Every structure is written in structure tokens, then in C-alpha cells.
């Protein structure tokens, strides 16, 4: 009983996770499955980043180069 309850809590935590929850779906019998369509949809953003700045005097290129230099 305790093991089943612990498993249920972990499943709920995974489904409620802000990042991973959208990639998991729950079947009618309670089992969790990978939501393959959500994974495919998210894959189109692989390698892309949203960059935001409050300095409107910078060009797009300057902002991108500035963030790229932060990674180095």
C-alpha cells in the first residue's frame, strides 16, 4: 500500500512539473505514457533561444553576440 501511494505521489509530481509535465499523459487506467506529439512539437525549437533585453539602443546582432560571449 505504501509503495503504491509513493508511486502515485511521484506520478502526480511528474505530471505537475512545470517543464516535464507537458510531455507526459495519463491513460484511463492511470499509467503514464510519453506524449509523443508534445515531444515532436517541442523539437522544432531545439537549439533556439529567446533573448530579451531592456536596452533598445543595441542592435539584434549586438545582443546575440553579447549572449554568445557569456557562454564562452
PDB file of N, CA and C in Angstrom:
ATOM      1  N   UNK A   1       0.827  -1.191   0.000  1.00  0.00           N
ATOM      2  CA  UNK A   1       0.000   0.000   0.000  1.00  0.00           C
ATOM      3  C   UNK A   1       0.874   1.259   0.000  1.00  0.00           C
ATOM      4  N   UNK A   2       1.890   1.286   0.875  1.00  0.00           N
ATOM      5  CA  UNK A   2       2.762   2.468   0.960  1.00  0.00           C
ATOM      6  C   UNK A   2       3.545   2.670  -0.331  1.00  0.00           C
ATOM      7  N   UNK A   3       3.999   1.575  -0.929  1.00  0.00           N
ATOM      8  CA  UNK A   3       4.743   1.678  -2.185  1.00  0.00           C
ATOM      9  C   UNK A   3       3.845   2.224  -3.288  1.00  0.00           C
ATOM     10  N   UNK A   4       2.608   1.778  -3.322  1.00  0.00           N
ATOM     11  CA  UNK A   4       1.665   2.255  -4.327  1.00  0.00           C
ATOM     12  C   UNK A   4       1.370   3.743  -4.132  1.00  0.00           C
ATOM     13  N   UNK A   5       1.233   4.157  -2.879  1.00  0.00           N
ATOM     14  CA  UNK A   5       0.973   5.565  -2.583  1.00  0.00           C
ATOM     15  C   UNK A   5       2.173   6.431  -2.961  1.00  0.00           C
ATOM     16  N   UNK A   6       3.379   5.948  -2.685  1.00  0.00           N
ATOM     17  CA  UNK A   6       4.595   6.686  -3.050  1.00  0.00           C
ATOM     18  C   UNK A   6       4.700   6.812  -4.566  1.00  0.00           C
ATOM     19  N   UNK A   7       4.362   5.725  -5.273  1.00  0.00           N
ATOM     20  CA  UNK A   7       4.390   5.745  -6.734  1.00  0.00           C
ATOM     21  C   UNK A   7       3.371   6.758  -7.261  1.00  0.00           C
ATOM     22  N   UNK A   8       2.181   6.775  -6.673  1.00  0.00           N
ATOM     23  CA  UNK A   8       1.132   7.710  -7.080  1.00  0.00           C
ATOM     24  C   UNK A   8       1.590   9.156  -6.877  1.00  0.00           C
ATOM     25  N   UNK A   9       2.236   9.442  -5.763  1.00  0.00           N
ATOM     26  CA  UNK A   9       2.724  10.798  -5.484  1.00  0.00           C
ATOM     27  C   UNK A   9       3.789  11.214  -6.490  1.00  0.00           C
ATOM     28  N   UNK A  10       4.671  10.279  -6.845  1.00  0.00           N
ATOM     29  CA  UNK A  10       5.720  10.596  -7.817  1.00  0.00           C
ATOM     30  C   UNK A  10       5.122  10.845  -9.196  1.00  0.00           C
ATOM     31  N   UNK A  11       4.108  10.057  -9.557  1.00  0.00           N
ATOM     32  CA  UNK A  11       3.443  10.249 -10.844  1.00  0.00           C
ATOM     33  C   UNK A  11       2.757  11.611 -10.888  1.00  0.00           C
ATOM     34  N   UNK A  12       2.102  11.988  -9.814  1.00  0.00           N
ATOM     35  CA  UNK A  12       1.447  13.301  -9.737  1.00  0.00           C
ATOM     36  C   UNK A  12       2.479  14.424  -9.813  1.00  0.00           C
ATOM     37  N   UNK A  13       3.595  14.242  -9.140  1.00  0.00           N
ATOM     38  CA  UNK A  13       4.650  15.257  -9.162  1.00  0.00           C
ATOM     39  C   UNK A  13       5.209  15.426 -10.573  1.00  0.00           C
ATOM     40  N   UNK A  14       5.370  14.327 -11.286  1.00  0.00           N
ATOM     41  CA  UNK A  14       5.877  14.401 -12.656  1.00  0.00           C
ATOM     42  C   UNK A  14       4.877  15.107 -13.564  1.00  0.00           C
ATOM     43  N   UNK A  15       3.612  14.764 -13.447  1.00  0.00           N
ATOM     44  CA  UNK A  15       2.590  15.399 -14.278  1.00  0.00           C
ATOM     45  C   UNK A  15       2.444  16.881 -13.968  1.00  0.00           C
ATOM     46  N   UNK A  16       2.704  17.282 -12.723  1.00  0.00           N
ATOM     47  CA  UNK A  16       2.570  18.680 -12.320  1.00  0.00           C
ATOM     48  C   UNK A  16       3.849  19.483 -12.542  1.00  0.00           C
ATOM     49  N   UNK A  17       4.933  18.822 -12.938  1.00  0.00           N
ATOM     50  CA  UNK A  17       6.214  19.508 -13.124  1.00  0.00           C
ATOM     51  C   UNK A  17       6.078  20.552 -14.237  1.00  0.00           C
ATOM     52  N   UNK A  18       6.563  21.783 -14.005  1.00  0.00           N
ATOM     53  CA  UNK A  18       6.385  22.839 -14.998  1.00  0.00           C
ATOM     54  C   UNK A  18       7.086  22.581 -16.334  1.00  0.00           C
ATOM     55  N   UNK A  19       8.158  21.829 -16.330  1.00  0.00           N
ATOM     56  CA  UNK A  19       8.869  21.547 -17.578  1.00  0.00           C
ATOM     57  C   UNK A  19       8.479  20.205 -18.167  1.00  0.00           C
ATOM     58  N   UNK A  20       8.519  19.158 -17.366  1.00  0.00           N
ATOM     59  CA  UNK A  20       8.324  17.809 -17.881  1.00  0.00           C
ATOM     60  C   UNK A  20       6.869  17.379 -17.968  1.00  0.00           C
ATOM     61  N   UNK A  21       5.983  18.033 -17.233  1.00  0.00           N
ATOM     62  CA  UNK A  21       4.588  17.615 -17.182  1.00  0.00           C
ATOM     63  C   UNK A  21       3.885  17.615 -18.524  1.00  0.00           C
ATOM     64  N   UNK A  22       4.263  18.527 -19.403  1.00  0.00           N
ATOM     65  CA  UNK A  22       3.591  18.596 -20.701  1.00  0.00           C
ATOM     66  C   UNK A  22       3.979  17.448 -21.630  1.00  0.00           C
ATOM     67  N   UNK A  23       5.020  16.713 -21.271  1.00  0.00           N
ATOM     68  CA  UNK A  23       5.461  15.594 -22.106  1.00  0.00           C
ATOM     69  C   UNK A  23       4.946  14.245 -21.612  1.00  0.00           C
ATOM     70  N   UNK A  24       4.107  14.267 -20.592  1.00  0.00           N
ATOM     71  CA  UNK A  24       3.573  13.033 -20.004  1.00  0.00           C
ATOM     72  C   UNK A  24       2.055  13.095 -20.049  1.00  0.00           C
ATOM     73  N   UNK A  25       1.441  11.989 -20.424  1.00  0.00           N
ATOM     74  CA  UNK A  25      -0.019  11.922 -20.373  1.00  0.00           C
ATOM     75  C   UNK A  25      -0.422  10.703 -19.567  1.00  0.00           C
ATOM     76  N   UNK A  26      -1.583  10.794 -18.973  1.00  0.00           N
ATOM     77  CA  UNK A  26      -2.063   9.700 -18.139  1.00  0.00           C
ATOM     78  C   UNK A  26      -3.207   8.998 -18.854  1.00  0.00           C
ATOM     79  N   UNK A  27      -3.101   7.680 -18.958  1.00  0.00           N
ATOM     80  CA  UNK A  27      -4.149   6.885 -19.581  1.00  0.00           C
ATOM     81  C   UNK A  27      -5.298   6.677 -18.599  1.00  0.00           C
ATOM     82  N   UNK A  28      -6.419   6.173 -19.106  1.00  0.00           N
ATOM     83  CA  UNK A  28      -7.594   5.956 -18.252  1.00  0.00           C
ATOM     84  C   UNK A  28      -7.308   4.999 -17.106  1.00  0.00           C
ATOM     85  N   UNK A  29      -6.393   4.044 -17.333  1.00  0.00           N
ATOM     86  CA  UNK A  29      -6.075   3.087 -16.264  1.00  0.00           C
ATOM     87  C   UNK A  29      -5.051   3.635 -15.268  1.00  0.00           C
ATOM     88  N   UNK A  30      -4.614   4.878 -15.469  1.00  0.00           N
ATOM     89  CA  UNK A  30      -3.704   5.524 -14.531  1.00  0.00           C
ATOM     90  C   UNK A  30      -2.235   5.450 -14.906  1.00  0.00           C
ATOM     91  N   UNK A  31      -1.889   4.652 -15.911  1.00  0.00           N
ATOM     92  CA  UNK A  31      -0.482   4.559 -16.301  1.00  0.00           C
ATOM     93  C   UNK A  31      -0.063   5.823 -17.044  1.00  0.00           C
ATOM     94  N   UNK A  32       1.208   6.142 -16.936  1.00  0.00           N
ATOM     95  CA  UNK A  32       1.756   7.314 -17.609  1.00  0.00           C
ATOM     96  C   UNK A  32       2.422   6.898 -18.905  1.00  0.00           C
ATOM     97  N   UNK A  33       2.268   7.725 -19.905  1.00  0.00           N
ATOM     98  CA  UNK A  33       2.898   7.490 -21.195  1.00  0.00           C
ATOM     99  C   UNK A  33       3.524   8.796 -21.677  1.00  0.00           C
ATOM    100  N   UNK A  34       4.550   8.650 -22.475  1.00  0.00           N
ATOM    101  CA  UNK A  34       5.188   9.804 -23.093  1.00  0.00           C
ATOM    102  C   UNK A  34       4.228  10.381 -24.131  1.00  0.00           C
ATOM    103  N   UNK A  35       4.027  11.666 -24.093  1.00  0.00           N
ATOM    104  CA  UNK A  35       3.157  12.349 -25.052  1.00  0.00           C
ATOM    105  C   UNK A  35       4.010  12.678 -26.276  1.00  0.00           C
ATOM    106  N   UNK A  36       4.023  11.765 -27.237  1.00  0.00           N
ATOM    107  CA  UNK A  36       4.941  11.863 -28.376  1.00  0.00           C
ATOM    108  C   UNK A  36       4.695  13.103 -29.229  1.00  0.00           C
ATOM    109  N   UNK A  37       3.454  13.504 -29.390  1.00  0.00           N
ATOM    110  CA  UNK A  37       3.174  14.698 -30.188  1.00  0.00           C
ATOM    111  C   UNK A  37       3.751  15.942 -29.524  1.00  0.00           C
ATOM    112  N   UNK A  38       3.668  16.023 -28.210  1.00  0.00           N
ATOM    113  CA  UNK A  38       4.240  17.167 -27.491  1.00  0.00           C
ATOM    114  C   UNK A  38       5.758  17.200 -27.648  1.00  0.00           C
ATOM    115  N   UNK A  39       6.388  16.033 -27.645  1.00  0.00           N
ATOM    116  CA  UNK A  39       7.840  15.957 -27.844  1.00  0.00           C
ATOM    117  C   UNK A  39       8.191  16.413 -29.253  1.00  0.00           C
ATOM    118  N   UNK A  40       7.430  15.945 -30.249  1.00  0.00           N
ATOM    119  CA  UNK A  40       7.682  16.369 -31.638  1.00  0.00           C
ATOM    120  C   UNK A  40       7.492  17.874 -31.792  1.00  0.00           C
ATOM    121  N   UNK A  41       6.433  18.400 -31.187  1.00  0.00           N
ATOM    122  CA  UNK A  41       6.182  19.841 -31.282  1.00  0.00           C
ATOM    123  C   UNK A  41       7.316  20.648 -30.658  1.00  0.00           C
ATOM    124  N   UNK A  42       7.825  20.201 -29.535  1.00  0.00           N
ATOM    125  CA  UNK A  42       8.900  20.920 -28.848  1.00  0.00           C
ATOM    126  C   UNK A  42      10.227  20.805 -29.590  1.00  0.00           C
ATOM    127  N   UNK A  43      10.414  19.732 -30.341  1.00  0.00           N
ATOM    128  CA  UNK A  43      11.699  19.517 -31.015  1.00  0.00           C
ATOM    129  C   UNK A  43      11.982  20.575 -32.076  1.00  0.00           C
ATOM    130  N   UNK A  44      10.955  21.237 -32.573  1.00  0.00           N
ATOM    131  CA  UNK A  44      11.202  22.267 -33.588  1.00  0.00           C
ATOM    132  C   UNK A  44      11.904  23.491 -33.000  1.00  0.00           C
ATOM    133  N   UNK A  45      11.952  23.570 -31.669  1.00  0.00           N
ATOM    134  CA  UNK A  45      12.645  24.673 -31.005  1.00  0.00           C
ATOM    135  C   UNK A  45      14.025  24.279 -30.495  1.00  0.00           C
ATOM    136  N   UNK A  46      14.456  23.053 -30.755  1.00  0.00           N
ATOM    137  CA  UNK A  46      15.773  22.607 -30.304  1.00  0.00           C
ATOM    138  C   UNK A  46      16.855  23.516 -30.875  1.00  0.00           C
ATOM    139  N   UNK A  47      17.727  23.985 -30.011  1.00  0.00           N
ATOM    140  CA  UNK A  47      18.837  24.824 -30.446  1.00  0.00           C
ATOM    141  C   UNK A  47      18.483  26.294 -30.612  1.00  0.00           C
ATOM    142  N   UNK A  48      17.253  26.662 -30.320  1.00  0.00           N
ATOM    143  CA  UNK A  48      16.829  28.057 -30.454  1.00  0.00           C
ATOM    144  C   UNK A  48      16.596  28.644 -29.065  1.00  0.00           C
ATOM    145  N   UNK A  49      16.905  29.911 -28.926  1.00  0.00           N
ATOM    146  CA  UNK A  49      16.781  30.585 -27.643  1.00  0.00           C
ATOM    147  C   UNK A  49      16.078  31.921 -27.830  1.00  0.00           C
ATOM    148  N   UNK A  50      15.321  32.299 -26.853  1.00  0.00           N
ATOM    149  CA  UNK A  50      14.693  33.609 -26.841  1.00  0.00           C
ATOM    150  C   UNK A  50      15.578  34.531 -26.010  1.00  0.00           C
ATOM    151  N   UNK A  51      15.959  35.636 -26.600  1.00  0.00           N
ATOM    152  CA  UNK A  51      16.808  36.598 -25.905  1.00  0.00           C
ATOM    153  C   UNK A  51      16.023  37.899 -25.779  1.00  0.00           C
ATOM    154  N   UNK A  52      16.034  38.441 -24.575  1.00  0.00           N
ATOM    155  CA  UNK A  52      15.293  39.669 -24.310  1.00  0.00           C
ATOM    156  C   UNK A  52      16.214  40.658 -23.611  1.00  0.00           C
ATOM    157  N   UNK A  53      16.104  41.914 -24.015  1.00  0.00           N
ATOM    158  CA  UNK A  53      16.895  42.958 -23.380  1.00  0.00           C
ATOM    159  C   UNK A  53      16.037  44.201 -23.186  1.00  0.00           C
ATOM    160  N   UNK A  54      16.372  44.971 -22.194  1.00  0.00           N
ATOM    161  CA  UNK A  54      15.653  46.230 -21.962  1.00  0.00           C
ATOM    162  C   UNK A  54      16.387  47.408 -22.603  1.00  0.00           C
ATOM    163  N   UNK A  55      17.559  47.145 -23.187  1.00  0.00           N
ATOM    164  CA  UNK A  55      18.353  48.203 -23.823  1.00  0.00           C
ATOM    165  C   UNK A  55      17.977  48.274 -25.299  1.00  0.00           C
ATOM    166  N   UNK A  56      17.124  49.223 -25.654  1.00  0.00           N
ATOM    167  CA  UNK A  56      16.661  49.315 -27.041  1.00  0.00           C
ATOM    168  C   UNK A  56      17.653  50.017 -27.964  1.00  0.00           C
ATOM    169  N   UNK A  57      18.826  50.394 -27.436  1.00  0.00           N
ATOM    170  CA  UNK A  57      19.841  51.015 -28.288  1.00  0.00           C
ATOM    171  C   UNK A  57      20.734  49.970 -28.951  1.00  0.00           C
ATOM    172  N   UNK A  58      20.667  48.725 -28.492  1.00  0.00           N
ATOM    173  CA  UNK A  58      21.502  47.663 -29.057  1.00  0.00           C
ATOM    174  C   UNK A  58      20.855  47.071 -30.300  1.00  0.00           C
ATOM    175  N   UNK A  59      21.696  46.720 -31.262  1.00  0.00           N
ATOM    176  CA  UNK A  59      21.178  46.035 -32.447  1.00  0.00           C
ATOM    177  C   UNK A  59      20.938  44.564 -32.114  1.00  0.00           C
ATOM    178  N   UNK A  60      20.193  43.902 -32.945  1.00  0.00           N
ATOM    179  CA  UNK A  60      19.928  42.473 -32.754  1.00  0.00           C
ATOM    180  C   UNK A  60      21.238  41.698 -32.729  1.00  0.00           C
ATOM    181  N   UNK A  61      22.154  42.065 -33.618  1.00  0.00           N
ATOM    182  CA  UNK A  61      23.442  41.379 -33.696  1.00  0.00           C
ATOM    183  C   UNK A  61      24.253  41.572 -32.418  1.00  0.00           C
ATOM    184  N   UNK A  62      24.254  42.804 -31.886  1.00  0.00           N
ATOM    185  CA  UNK A  62      24.998  43.078 -30.651  1.00  0.00           C
ATOM    186  C   UNK A  62      24.450  42.278 -29.470  1.00  0.00           C
ATOM    187  N   UNK A  63      23.143  42.185 -29.387  1.00  0.00           N
ATOM    188  CA  UNK A  63      22.530  41.423 -28.295  1.00  0.00           C
ATOM    189  C   UNK A  63      22.905  39.950 -28.416  1.00  0.00           C
ATOM    190  N   UNK A  64      22.788  39.403 -29.625  1.00  0.00           N
ATOM    191  CA  UNK A  64      23.114  37.989 -29.836  1.00  0.00           C
ATOM    192  C   UNK A  64      24.584  37.716 -29.540  1.00  0.00           C
ATOM    193  N   UNK A  65      25.473  38.585 -29.993  1.00  0.00           N
ATOM    194  CA  UNK A  65      26.902  38.402 -29.727  1.00  0.00           C
ATOM    195  C   UNK A  65      27.206  38.515 -28.240  1.00  0.00           C
ATOM    196  N   UNK A  66      26.544  39.428 -27.557  1.00  0.00           N
ATOM    197  CA  UNK A  66      26.756  39.579 -26.120  1.00  0.00           C
ATOM    198  C   UNK A  66      26.387  38.321 -25.357  1.00  0.00           C
ATOM    199  N   UNK A  67      25.262  37.725 -25.706  1.00  0.00           N
ATOM    200  CA  UNK A  67      24.864  36.489 -25.030  1.00  0.00           C
ATOM    201  C   UNK A  67      25.765  35.327 -25.417  1.00  0.00           C
ATOM    202  N   UNK A  68      26.215  35.315 -26.663  1.00  0.00           N
ATOM    203  CA  UNK A  68      27.116  34.242 -27.096  1.00  0.00           C
ATOM    204  C   UNK A  68      28.427  34.315 -26.318  1.00  0.00           C
ATOM    205  N   UNK A  69      28.927  35.518 -26.067  1.00  0.00           N
ATOM    206  CA  UNK A  69      30.167  35.682 -25.312  1.00  0.00           C
ATOM    207  C   UNK A  69      30.003  35.252 -23.862  1.00  0.00           C
ATOM    208  N   UNK A  70      28.804  35.361 -23.319  1.00  0.00           N
ATOM    209  CA  UNK A  70      28.565  34.909 -21.946  1.00  0.00           C
ATOM    210  C   UNK A  70      28.765  33.402 -21.813  1.00  0.00           C
ATOM    211  N   UNK A  71      28.489  32.672 -22.881  1.00  0.00           N
ATOM    212  CA  UNK A  71      28.638  31.217 -22.855  1.00  0.00           C
ATOM    213  C   UNK A  71      30.094  30.787 -22.888  1.00  0.00           C
ATOM    214  N   UNK A  72      30.959  31.643 -23.385  1.00  0.00           N
ATOM    215  CA  UNK A  72      32.379  31.280 -23.526  1.00  0.00           C
ATOM    216  C   UNK A  72      33.149  31.510 -22.257  1.00  0.00           C
TER     217      UNK A  72
END
